[in-house]
Amino acid sequence: MLLNVIILNRAIRRAVAQLMRPDPRVSEAVDARQELDLRIGAAFTRFQTLRLRRVFPEALSDQLISYGSCQFPTLGFVVERFREVDRFISEPFWRIVGKVSPGF
């Protein structure tokens, strides 16, 4: 954890030392991406919810089937971590306690 903090601290200091004017085109691209994600997510959520309710009426009659551009990669991270935890095999471990004599 400490190494991550040190690396992050260096990255922040470097970024602050190299500040430049914001590029309005980059900002506009971010705005456009957010707008598209929202519109596509809302439209596709509605489409797949209605479609899948017709295909599986008993199971999904009152369910919303959400779509979002970040959901699938995020689900992948969650599944990967679940599998890591599930495969974990507990092992005995040792603790070493040292004693130092005065004058040594």
PDB file of N, CA and C in Angstrom:
ATOM      1  N   MET A   1       0.825  -1.197   0.000  1.00  0.00           N
ATOM      2  CA  MET A   1       0.000   0.000   0.000  1.00  0.00           C
ATOM      3  C   MET A   1       0.863   1.253   0.000  1.00  0.00           C
ATOM      4  N   LEU A   2       1.936   1.241   0.786  1.00  0.00           N
ATOM      5  CA  LEU A   2       2.803   2.408   0.873  1.00  0.00           C
ATOM      6  C   LEU A   2       3.422   2.721  -0.481  1.00  0.00           C
ATOM      7  N   LEU A   3       3.823   1.687  -1.233  1.00  0.00           N
ATOM      8  CA  LEU A   3       4.409   1.902  -2.550  1.00  0.00           C
ATOM      9  C   LEU A   3       3.414   2.596  -3.470  1.00  0.00           C
ATOM     10  N   ASN A   4       2.145   2.185  -3.424  1.00  0.00           N
ATOM     11  CA  ASN A   4       1.119   2.838  -4.237  1.00  0.00           C
ATOM     12  C   ASN A   4       0.992   4.311  -3.891  1.00  0.00           C
ATOM     13  N   VAL A   5       1.048   4.630  -2.612  1.00  0.00           N
ATOM     14  CA  VAL A   5       0.937   6.026  -2.175  1.00  0.00           C
ATOM     15  C   VAL A   5       2.126   6.824  -2.681  1.00  0.00           C
ATOM     16  N   ILE A   6       3.317   6.242  -2.614  1.00  0.00           N
ATOM     17  CA  ILE A   6       4.520   6.934  -3.091  1.00  0.00           C
ATOM     18  C   ILE A   6       4.427   7.187  -4.590  1.00  0.00           C
ATOM     19  N   ILE A   7       4.030   6.179  -5.353  1.00  0.00           N
ATOM     20  CA  ILE A   7       3.908   6.332  -6.804  1.00  0.00           C
ATOM     21  C   ILE A   7       2.847   7.369  -7.138  1.00  0.00           C
ATOM     22  N   LEU A   8       1.713   7.309  -6.470  1.00  0.00           N
ATOM     23  CA  LEU A   8       0.646   8.277  -6.705  1.00  0.00           C
ATOM     24  C   LEU A   8       1.118   9.685  -6.367  1.00  0.00           C
ATOM     25  N   ASN A   9       1.820   9.835  -5.261  1.00  0.00           N
ATOM     26  CA  ASN A   9       2.339  11.134  -4.847  1.00  0.00           C
ATOM     27  C   ASN A   9       3.273  11.691  -5.926  1.00  0.00           C
ATOM     28  N   ARG A  10       4.163  10.869  -6.452  1.00  0.00           N
ATOM     29  CA  ARG A  10       5.078  11.312  -7.523  1.00  0.00           C
ATOM     30  C   ARG A  10       4.299  11.730  -8.764  1.00  0.00           C
ATOM     31  N   ALA A  11       3.311  10.939  -9.133  1.00  0.00           N
ATOM     32  CA  ALA A  11       2.522  11.242 -10.330  1.00  0.00           C
ATOM     33  C   ALA A  11       1.776  12.561 -10.170  1.00  0.00           C
ATOM     34  N   ILE A  12       1.243  12.808  -8.985  1.00  0.00           N
ATOM     35  CA  ILE A  12       0.526  14.068  -8.737  1.00  0.00           C
ATOM     36  C   ILE A  12       1.492  15.239  -8.812  1.00  0.00           C
ATOM     37  N   ARG A  13       2.646  15.105  -8.180  1.00  0.00           N
ATOM     38  CA  ARG A  13       3.641  16.191  -8.213  1.00  0.00           C
ATOM     39  C   ARG A  13       4.100  16.477  -9.641  1.00  0.00           C
ATOM     40  N   ARG A  14       4.335  15.435 -10.425  1.00  0.00           N
ATOM     41  CA  ARG A  14       4.759  15.613 -11.815  1.00  0.00           C
ATOM     42  C   ARG A  14       3.670  16.312 -12.620  1.00  0.00           C
ATOM     43  N   ALA A  15       2.431  15.899 -12.429  1.00  0.00           N
ATOM     44  CA  ALA A  15       1.320  16.509 -13.171  1.00  0.00           C
ATOM     45  C   ALA A  15       1.163  17.980 -12.811  1.00  0.00           C
ATOM     46  N   VAL A  16       1.278  18.297 -11.529  1.00  0.00           N
ATOM     47  CA  VAL A  16       1.144  19.696 -11.098  1.00  0.00           C
ATOM     48  C   VAL A  16       2.296  20.533 -11.646  1.00  0.00           C
ATOM     49  N   ALA A  17       3.477  19.953 -11.729  1.00  0.00           N
ATOM     50  CA  ALA A  17       4.638  20.688 -12.240  1.00  0.00           C
ATOM     51  C   ALA A  17       4.540  20.930 -13.740  1.00  0.00           C
ATOM     52  N   GLN A  18       3.716  20.156 -14.436  1.00  0.00           N
ATOM     53  CA  GLN A  18       3.618  20.269 -15.897  1.00  0.00           C
ATOM     54  C   GLN A  18       2.230  20.727 -16.342  1.00  0.00           C
ATOM     55  N   LEU A  19       1.625  21.599 -15.556  1.00  0.00           N
ATOM     56  CA  LEU A  19       0.281  22.074 -15.900  1.00  0.00           C
ATOM     57  C   LEU A  19       0.280  22.783 -17.244  1.00  0.00           C
ATOM     58  N   MET A  20      -0.810  22.623 -17.972  1.00  0.00           N
ATOM     59  CA  MET A  20      -0.980  23.324 -19.250  1.00  0.00           C
ATOM     60  C   MET A  20      -2.441  23.723 -19.387  1.00  0.00           C
ATOM     61  N   ARG A  21      -2.722  24.541 -20.370  1.00  0.00           N
ATOM     62  CA  ARG A  21      -4.099  24.981 -20.603  1.00  0.00           C
ATOM     63  C   ARG A  21      -4.970  23.794 -21.000  1.00  0.00           C
ATOM     64  N   PRO A  22      -6.171  23.742 -20.437  1.00  0.00           N
ATOM     65  CA  PRO A  22      -7.092  22.674 -20.846  1.00  0.00           C
ATOM     66  C   PRO A  22      -7.427  22.806 -22.332  1.00  0.00           C
ATOM     67  N   ASP A  23      -7.549  21.681 -22.994  1.00  0.00           N
ATOM     68  CA  ASP A  23      -7.908  21.655 -24.412  1.00  0.00           C
ATOM     69  C   ASP A  23      -9.429  21.561 -24.505  1.00  0.00           C
ATOM     70  N   PRO A  24     -10.093  22.593 -25.031  1.00  0.00           N
ATOM     71  CA  PRO A  24     -11.559  22.553 -25.096  1.00  0.00           C
ATOM     72  C   PRO A  24     -12.082  21.390 -25.942  1.00  0.00           C
ATOM     73  N   ARG A  25     -11.307  20.943 -26.924  1.00  0.00           N
ATOM     74  CA  ARG A  25     -11.752  19.814 -27.754  1.00  0.00           C
ATOM     75  C   ARG A  25     -11.825  18.531 -26.939  1.00  0.00           C
ATOM     76  N   VAL A  26     -10.871  18.357 -26.039  1.00  0.00           N
ATOM     77  CA  VAL A  26     -10.890  17.173 -25.178  1.00  0.00           C
ATOM     78  C   VAL A  26     -12.099  17.234 -24.251  1.00  0.00           C
ATOM     79  N   SER A  27     -12.358  18.410 -23.700  1.00  0.00           N
ATOM     80  CA  SER A  27     -13.515  18.589 -22.820  1.00  0.00           C
ATOM     81  C   SER A  27     -14.819  18.308 -23.571  1.00  0.00           C
ATOM     82  N   GLU A  28     -14.916  18.819 -24.798  1.00  0.00           N
ATOM     83  CA  GLU A  28     -16.118  18.581 -25.602  1.00  0.00           C
ATOM     84  C   GLU A  28     -16.259  17.095 -25.950  1.00  0.00           C
ATOM     85  N   ALA A  29     -15.141  16.426 -26.199  1.00  0.00           N
ATOM     86  CA  ALA A  29     -15.186  14.990 -26.498  1.00  0.00           C
ATOM     87  C   ALA A  29     -15.700  14.207 -25.291  1.00  0.00           C
ATOM     88  N   VAL A  30     -15.265  14.601 -24.097  1.00  0.00           N
ATOM     89  CA  VAL A  30     -15.742  13.947 -22.872  1.00  0.00           C
ATOM     90  C   VAL A  30     -17.242  14.179 -22.710  1.00  0.00           C
ATOM     91  N   ASP A  31     -17.684  15.417 -22.927  1.00  0.00           N
ATOM     92  CA  ASP A  31     -19.116  15.724 -22.828  1.00  0.00           C
ATOM     93  C   ASP A  31     -19.924  14.885 -23.817  1.00  0.00           C
ATOM     94  N   ALA A  32     -19.418  14.775 -25.054  1.00  0.00           N
ATOM     95  CA  ALA A  32     -20.127  14.001 -26.076  1.00  0.00           C
ATOM     96  C   ALA A  32     -20.195  12.529 -25.683  1.00  0.00           C
ATOM     97  N   ARG A  33     -19.094  12.005 -25.160  1.00  0.00           N
ATOM     98  CA  ARG A  33     -19.061  10.600 -24.749  1.00  0.00           C
ATOM     99  C   ARG A  33     -20.070  10.336 -23.635  1.00  0.00           C
ATOM    100  N   GLN A  34     -20.136  11.246 -22.664  1.00  0.00           N
ATOM    101  CA  GLN A  34     -21.093  11.079 -21.567  1.00  0.00           C
ATOM    102  C   GLN A  34     -22.526  11.111 -22.087  1.00  0.00           C
ATOM    103  N   GLU A  35     -22.790  12.038 -22.994  1.00  0.00           N
ATOM    104  CA  GLU A  35     -24.137  12.157 -23.563  1.00  0.00           C
ATOM    105  C   GLU A  35     -24.510  10.889 -24.336  1.00  0.00           C
ATOM    106  N   LEU A  36     -23.575  10.396 -25.152  1.00  0.00           N
ATOM    107  CA  LEU A  36     -23.838   9.171 -25.914  1.00  0.00           C
ATOM    108  C   LEU A  36     -24.048   7.976 -24.990  1.00  0.00           C
ATOM    109  N   ASP A  37     -23.197   7.849 -23.962  1.00  0.00           N
ATOM    110  CA  ASP A  37     -23.357   6.744 -23.013  1.00  0.00           C
ATOM    111  C   ASP A  37     -24.733   6.770 -22.370  1.00  0.00           C
ATOM    112  N   LEU A  38     -25.179   7.959 -21.977  1.00  0.00           N
ATOM    113  CA  LEU A  38     -26.485   8.093 -21.339  1.00  0.00           C
ATOM    114  C   LEU A  38     -27.611   7.734 -22.306  1.00  0.00           C
ATOM    115  N   ARG A  39     -27.569   8.296 -23.502  1.00  0.00           N
ATOM    116  CA  ARG A  39     -28.646   8.046 -24.472  1.00  0.00           C
ATOM    117  C   ARG A  39     -28.682   6.590 -24.930  1.00  0.00           C
ATOM    118  N   ILE A  40     -27.512   6.052 -25.254  1.00  0.00           N
ATOM    119  CA  ILE A  40     -27.456   4.657 -25.700  1.00  0.00           C
ATOM    120  C   ILE A  40     -27.891   3.732 -24.566  1.00  0.00           C
ATOM    121  N   GLY A  41     -27.425   4.014 -23.357  1.00  0.00           N
ATOM    122  CA  GLY A  41     -27.803   3.190 -22.208  1.00  0.00           C
ATOM    123  C   GLY A  41     -29.297   3.199 -21.969  1.00  0.00           C
ATOM    124  N   ALA A  42     -29.905   4.377 -22.024  1.00  0.00           N
ATOM    125  CA  ALA A  42     -31.354   4.477 -21.799  1.00  0.00           C
ATOM    126  C   ALA A  42     -32.126   3.761 -22.903  1.00  0.00           C
ATOM    127  N   ALA A  43     -31.719   3.983 -24.161  1.00  0.00           N
ATOM    128  CA  ALA A  43     -32.426   3.368 -25.282  1.00  0.00           C
ATOM    129  C   ALA A  43     -32.261   1.847 -25.278  1.00  0.00           C
ATOM    130  N   PHE A  44     -31.035   1.376 -25.068  1.00  0.00           N
ATOM    131  CA  PHE A  44     -30.812  -0.066 -25.119  1.00  0.00           C
ATOM    132  C   PHE A  44     -31.403  -0.772 -23.907  1.00  0.00           C
ATOM    133  N   THR A  45     -31.401  -0.108 -22.756  1.00  0.00           N
ATOM    134  CA  THR A  45     -32.051  -0.689 -21.573  1.00  0.00           C
ATOM    135  C   THR A  45     -33.527  -0.924 -21.867  1.00  0.00           C
ATOM    136  N   ARG A  46     -34.176   0.074 -22.441  1.00  0.00           N
ATOM    137  CA  ARG A  46     -35.603  -0.069 -22.776  1.00  0.00           C
ATOM    138  C   ARG A  46     -35.815  -1.177 -23.801  1.00  0.00           C
ATOM    139  N   PHE A  47     -34.996  -1.165 -24.869  1.00  0.00           N
ATOM    140  CA  PHE A  47     -35.126  -2.162 -25.928  1.00  0.00           C
ATOM    141  C   PHE A  47     -34.976  -3.582 -25.381  1.00  0.00           C
ATOM    142  N   GLN A  48     -33.867  -3.836 -24.662  1.00  0.00           N
ATOM    143  CA  GLN A  48     -33.639  -5.213 -24.220  1.00  0.00           C
ATOM    144  C   GLN A  48     -34.610  -5.631 -23.125  1.00  0.00           C
ATOM    145  N   THR A  49     -35.045  -4.694 -22.287  1.00  0.00           N
ATOM    146  CA  THR A  49     -36.032  -5.037 -21.259  1.00  0.00           C
ATOM    147  C   THR A  49     -37.330  -5.496 -21.913  1.00  0.00           C
ATOM    148  N   LEU A  50     -37.828  -4.716 -22.869  1.00  0.00           N
ATOM    149  CA  LEU A  50     -39.085  -5.079 -23.536  1.00  0.00           C
ATOM    150  C   LEU A  50     -38.934  -6.372 -24.328  1.00  0.00           C
ATOM    151  N   ARG A  51     -37.819  -6.521 -25.024  1.00  0.00           N
ATOM    152  CA  ARG A  51     -37.594  -7.722 -25.835  1.00  0.00           C
ATOM    153  C   ARG A  51     -37.489  -8.970 -24.956  1.00  0.00           C
ATOM    154  N   LEU A  52     -36.694  -8.894 -23.908  1.00  0.00           N
ATOM    155  CA  LEU A  52     -36.495 -10.073 -23.063  1.00  0.00           C
ATOM    156  C   LEU A  52     -37.730 -10.402 -22.232  1.00  0.00           C
ATOM    157  N   ARG A  53     -38.545  -9.416 -21.920  1.00  0.00           N
ATOM    158  CA  ARG A  53     -39.804  -9.706 -21.218  1.00  0.00           C
ATOM    159  C   ARG A  53     -40.733 -10.523 -22.101  1.00  0.00           C
ATOM    160  N   ARG A  54     -40.691 -10.269 -23.423  1.00  0.00           N
ATOM    161  CA  ARG A  54     -41.522 -11.054 -24.339  1.00  0.00           C
ATOM    162  C   ARG A  54     -40.984 -12.480 -24.469  1.00  0.00           C
ATOM    163  N   VAL A  55     -39.673 -12.624 -24.457  1.00  0.00           N
ATOM    164  CA  VAL A  55     -39.069 -13.949 -24.613  1.00  0.00           C
ATOM    165  C   VAL A  55     -39.192 -14.774 -23.332  1.00  0.00           C
ATOM    166  N   PHE A  56     -39.040 -14.117 -22.177  1.00  0.00           N
ATOM    167  CA  PHE A  56     -39.101 -14.801 -20.881  1.00  0.00           C
ATOM    168  C   PHE A  56     -40.138 -14.125 -19.984  1.00  0.00           C
ATOM    169  N   PRO A  57     -41.418 -14.206 -20.339  1.00  0.00           N
ATOM    170  CA  PRO A  57     -42.434 -13.434 -19.618  1.00  0.00           C
ATOM    171  C   PRO A  57     -42.579 -13.803 -18.146  1.00  0.00           C
ATOM    172  N   GLU A  58     -42.438 -15.064 -17.812  1.00  0.00           N
ATOM    173  CA  GLU A  58     -42.633 -15.457 -16.410  1.00  0.00           C
ATOM    174  C   GLU A  58     -41.460 -15.026 -15.536  1.00  0.00           C
ATOM    175  N   ALA A  59     -40.269 -15.120 -16.058  1.00  0.00           N
ATOM    176  CA  ALA A  59     -39.082 -14.810 -15.253  1.00  0.00           C
ATOM    177  C   ALA A  59     -38.808 -13.311 -15.166  1.00  0.00           C
ATOM    178  N   LEU A  60     -39.175 -12.565 -16.214  1.00  0.00           N
ATOM    179  CA  LEU A  60     -38.775 -11.157 -16.272  1.00  0.00           C
ATOM    180  C   LEU A  60     -39.939 -10.182 -16.336  1.00  0.00           C
ATOM    181  N   SER A  61     -41.119 -10.609 -15.930  1.00  0.00           N
ATOM    182  CA  SER A  61     -42.301  -9.757 -16.096  1.00  0.00           C
ATOM    183  C   SER A  61     -42.169  -8.405 -15.408  1.00  0.00           C
ATOM    184  N   ASP A  62     -41.477  -8.345 -14.284  1.00  0.00           N
ATOM    185  CA  ASP A  62     -41.361  -7.065 -13.570  1.00  0.00           C
ATOM    186  C   ASP A  62     -39.899  -6.647 -13.387  1.00  0.00           C
ATOM    187  N   GLN A  63     -39.028  -7.160 -14.254  1.00  0.00           N
ATOM    188  CA  GLN A  63     -37.594  -6.869 -14.132  1.00  0.00           C
ATOM    189  C   GLN A  63     -37.142  -5.838 -15.162  1.00  0.00           C
ATOM    190  N   LEU A  64     -36.216  -5.008 -14.750  1.00  0.00           N
ATOM    191  CA  LEU A  64     -35.547  -4.076 -15.652  1.00  0.00           C
ATOM    192  C   LEU A  64     -34.199  -4.686 -16.000  1.00  0.00           C
ATOM    193  N   ILE A  65     -33.884  -4.767 -17.283  1.00  0.00           N
ATOM    194  CA  ILE A  65     -32.607  -5.326 -17.720  1.00  0.00           C
ATOM    195  C   ILE A  65     -31.731  -4.157 -18.156  1.00  0.00           C
ATOM    196  N   SER A  66     -30.896  -3.720 -17.247  1.00  0.00           N
ATOM    197  CA  SER A  66     -30.103  -2.514 -17.449  1.00  0.00           C
ATOM    198  C   SER A  66     -28.913  -2.751 -18.375  1.00  0.00           C
ATOM    199  N   TYR A  67     -28.579  -1.726 -19.151  1.00  0.00           N
ATOM    200  CA  TYR A  67     -27.392  -1.743 -20.001  1.00  0.00           C
ATOM    201  C   TYR A  67     -26.589  -0.483 -19.726  1.00  0.00           C
ATOM    202  N   GLY A  68     -25.296  -0.648 -19.613  1.00  0.00           N
ATOM    203  CA  GLY A  68     -24.398   0.489 -19.473  1.00  0.00           C
ATOM    204  C   GLY A  68     -23.037   0.103 -20.007  1.00  0.00           C
ATOM    205  N   SER A  69     -22.359   1.048 -20.615  1.00  0.00           N
ATOM    206  CA  SER A  69     -21.082   0.730 -21.263  1.00  0.00           C
ATOM    207  C   SER A  69     -20.018   0.271 -20.276  1.00  0.00           C
ATOM    208  N   CYS A  70     -20.171   0.600 -19.008  1.00  0.00           N
ATOM    209  CA  CYS A  70     -19.176   0.190 -18.001  1.00  0.00           C
ATOM    210  C   CYS A  70     -19.580  -1.085 -17.270  1.00  0.00           C
ATOM    211  N   GLN A  71     -20.806  -1.527 -17.440  1.00  0.00           N
ATOM    212  CA  GLN A  71     -21.284  -2.662 -16.651  1.00  0.00           C
ATOM    213  C   GLN A  71     -20.570  -3.965 -16.990  1.00  0.00           C
ATOM    214  N   PHE A  72     -20.347  -4.233 -18.270  1.00  0.00           N
ATOM    215  CA  PHE A  72     -19.735  -5.507 -18.640  1.00  0.00           C
ATOM    216  C   PHE A  72     -18.277  -5.595 -18.192  1.00  0.00           C
ATOM    217  N   PRO A  73     -17.438  -4.575 -18.438  1.00  0.00           N
ATOM    218  CA  PRO A  73     -16.070  -4.664 -17.911  1.00  0.00           C
ATOM    219  C   PRO A  73     -16.044  -4.744 -16.387  1.00  0.00           C
ATOM    220  N   THR A  74     -16.903  -3.984 -15.728  1.00  0.00           N
ATOM    221  CA  THR A  74     -16.940  -4.009 -14.264  1.00  0.00           C
ATOM    222  C   THR A  74     -17.360  -5.386 -13.767  1.00  0.00           C
ATOM    223  N   LEU A  75     -18.350  -5.975 -14.408  1.00  0.00           N
ATOM    224  CA  LEU A  75     -18.773  -7.325 -14.040  1.00  0.00           C
ATOM    225  C   LEU A  75     -17.621  -8.306 -14.212  1.00  0.00           C
ATOM    226  N   GLY A  76     -16.834  -8.119 -15.258  1.00  0.00           N
ATOM    227  CA  GLY A  76     -15.664  -8.964 -15.468  1.00  0.00           C
ATOM    228  C   GLY A  76     -14.682  -8.871 -14.311  1.00  0.00           C
ATOM    229  N   PHE A  77     -14.439  -7.641 -13.813  1.00  0.00           N
ATOM    230  CA  PHE A  77     -13.545  -7.468 -12.666  1.00  0.00           C
ATOM    231  C   PHE A  77     -14.108  -8.166 -11.430  1.00  0.00           C
ATOM    232  N   VAL A  78     -15.408  -8.041 -11.231  1.00  0.00           N
ATOM    233  CA  VAL A  78     -16.051  -8.655 -10.065  1.00  0.00           C
ATOM    234  C   VAL A  78     -15.946 -10.179 -10.142  1.00  0.00           C
ATOM    235  N   VAL A  79     -16.223 -10.745 -11.312  1.00  0.00           N
ATOM    236  CA  VAL A  79     -16.151 -12.200 -11.484  1.00  0.00           C
ATOM    237  C   VAL A  79     -14.716 -12.690 -11.293  1.00  0.00           C
ATOM    238  N   GLU A  80     -13.765 -11.960 -11.861  1.00  0.00           N
ATOM    239  CA  GLU A  80     -12.354 -12.340 -11.716  1.00  0.00           C
ATOM    240  C   GLU A  80     -11.941 -12.357 -10.243  1.00  0.00           C
ATOM    241  N   ARG A  81     -12.324 -11.332  -9.501  1.00  0.00           N
ATOM    242  CA  ARG A  81     -11.977 -11.269  -8.076  1.00  0.00           C
ATOM    243  C   ARG A  81     -12.686 -12.377  -7.295  1.00  0.00           C
ATOM    244  N   PHE A  82     -13.951 -12.641  -7.628  1.00  0.00           N
ATOM    245  CA  PHE A  82     -14.688 -13.723  -6.971  1.00  0.00           C
ATOM    246  C   PHE A  82     -13.968 -15.050  -7.167  1.00  0.00           C
ATOM    247  N   ARG A  83     -13.529 -15.298  -8.389  1.00  0.00           N
ATOM    248  CA  ARG A  83     -12.836 -16.557  -8.671  1.00  0.00           C
ATOM    249  C   ARG A  83     -11.513 -16.653  -7.914  1.00  0.00           C
ATOM    250  N   GLU A  84     -10.785 -15.542  -7.815  1.00  0.00           N
ATOM    251  CA  GLU A  84      -9.545 -15.537  -7.030  1.00  0.00           C
ATOM    252  C   GLU A  84      -9.827 -15.927  -5.580  1.00  0.00           C
ATOM    253  N   VAL A  85     -10.835 -15.309  -4.998  1.00  0.00           N
ATOM    254  CA  VAL A  85     -11.186 -15.594  -3.604  1.00  0.00           C
ATOM    255  C   VAL A  85     -11.665 -17.033  -3.472  1.00  0.00           C
ATOM    256  N   ASP A  86     -12.453 -17.492  -4.435  1.00  0.00           N
ATOM    257  CA  ASP A  86     -12.996 -18.846  -4.396  1.00  0.00           C
ATOM    258  C   ASP A  86     -11.895 -19.903  -4.496  1.00  0.00           C
ATOM    259  N   ARG A  87     -10.838 -19.624  -5.260  1.00  0.00           N
ATOM    260  CA  ARG A  87      -9.735 -20.578  -5.436  1.00  0.00           C
ATOM    261  C   ARG A  87      -8.705 -20.509  -4.308  1.00  0.00           C
ATOM    262  N   PHE A  88      -8.840 -19.531  -3.435  1.00  0.00           N
ATOM    263  CA  PHE A  88      -7.859 -19.342  -2.369  1.00  0.00           C
ATOM    264  C   PHE A  88      -7.805 -20.565  -1.465  1.00  0.00           C
ATOM    265  N   ILE A  89      -6.600 -21.015  -1.197  1.00  0.00           N
ATOM    266  CA  ILE A  89      -6.404 -22.144  -0.290  1.00  0.00           C
ATOM    267  C   ILE A  89      -5.632 -21.625   0.914  1.00  0.00           C
ATOM    268  N   SER A  90      -6.247 -21.743   2.060  1.00  0.00           N
ATOM    269  CA  SER A  90      -5.628 -21.271   3.292  1.00  0.00           C
ATOM    270  C   SER A  90      -4.415 -22.132   3.623  1.00  0.00           C
ATOM    271  N   GLU A  91      -3.350 -21.485   4.024  1.00  0.00           N
ATOM    272  CA  GLU A  91      -2.130 -22.192   4.402  1.00  0.00           C
ATOM    273  C   GLU A  91      -1.684 -21.704   5.771  1.00  0.00           C
ATOM    274  N   PRO A  92      -1.063 -22.593   6.545  1.00  0.00           N
ATOM    275  CA  PRO A  92      -0.532 -22.131   7.826  1.00  0.00           C
ATOM    276  C   PRO A  92       0.598 -21.130   7.580  1.00  0.00           C
ATOM    277  N   PHE A  93       0.752 -20.220   8.486  1.00  0.00           N
ATOM    278  CA  PHE A  93       1.825 -19.241   8.336  1.00  0.00           C
ATOM    279  C   PHE A  93       2.578 -19.124   9.650  1.00  0.00           C
ATOM    280  N   TRP A  94       3.731 -18.535   9.562  1.00  0.00           N
ATOM    281  CA  TRP A  94       4.609 -18.423  10.714  1.00  0.00           C
ATOM    282  C   TRP A  94       4.762 -16.970  11.106  1.00  0.00           C
ATOM    283  N   ARG A  95       5.035 -16.769  12.370  1.00  0.00           N
ATOM    284  CA  ARG A  95       5.334 -15.431  12.859  1.00  0.00           C
ATOM    285  C   ARG A  95       6.690 -15.514  13.553  1.00  0.00           C
ATOM    286  N   ILE A  96       7.579 -14.644  13.169  1.00  0.00           N
ATOM    287  CA  ILE A  96       8.914 -14.632  13.758  1.00  0.00           C
ATOM    288  C   ILE A  96       9.001 -13.452  14.708  1.00  0.00           C
ATOM    289  N   VAL A  97       9.386 -13.739  15.935  1.00  0.00           N
ATOM    290  CA  VAL A  97       9.542 -12.697  16.950  1.00  0.00           C
ATOM    291  C   VAL A  97      11.020 -12.650  17.319  1.00  0.00           C
ATOM    292  N   GLY A  98      11.609 -11.486  17.192  1.00  0.00           N
ATOM    293  CA  GLY A  98      13.024 -11.348  17.514  1.00  0.00           C
ATOM    294  C   GLY A  98      13.227 -10.644  18.845  1.00  0.00           C
ATOM    295  N   LYS A  99      14.273 -11.033  19.530  1.00  0.00           N
ATOM    296  CA  LYS A  99      14.646 -10.374  20.780  1.00  0.00           C
ATOM    297  C   LYS A  99      16.062  -9.842  20.614  1.00  0.00           C
ATOM    298  N   VAL A 100      16.273  -8.619  21.007  1.00  0.00           N
ATOM    299  CA  VAL A 100      17.587  -8.000  20.904  1.00  0.00           C
ATOM    300  C   VAL A 100      18.100  -7.733  22.312  1.00  0.00           C
ATOM    301  N   SER A 101      19.292  -8.194  22.563  1.00  0.00           N
ATOM    302  CA  SER A 101      19.902  -7.972  23.881  1.00  0.00           C
ATOM    303  C   SER A 101      20.545  -6.594  23.922  1.00  0.00           C
ATOM    304  N   PRO A 102      20.526  -5.926  25.073  1.00  0.00           N
ATOM    305  CA  PRO A 102      21.172  -4.619  25.193  1.00  0.00           C
ATOM    306  C   PRO A 102      22.659  -4.729  24.850  1.00  0.00           C
ATOM    307  N   GLY A 103      23.161  -3.719  24.154  1.00  0.00           N
ATOM    308  CA  GLY A 103      24.567  -3.682  23.787  1.00  0.00           C
ATOM    309  C   GLY A 103      24.909  -4.506  22.563  1.00  0.00           C
ATOM    310  N   PHE A 104      23.959  -5.078  21.930  1.00  0.00           N
ATOM    311  CA  PHE A 104      24.238  -5.894  20.746  1.00  0.00           C
ATOM    312  C   PHE A 104      24.148  -5.072  19.502  1.00  0.00           C
TER     313      PHE A 104
END
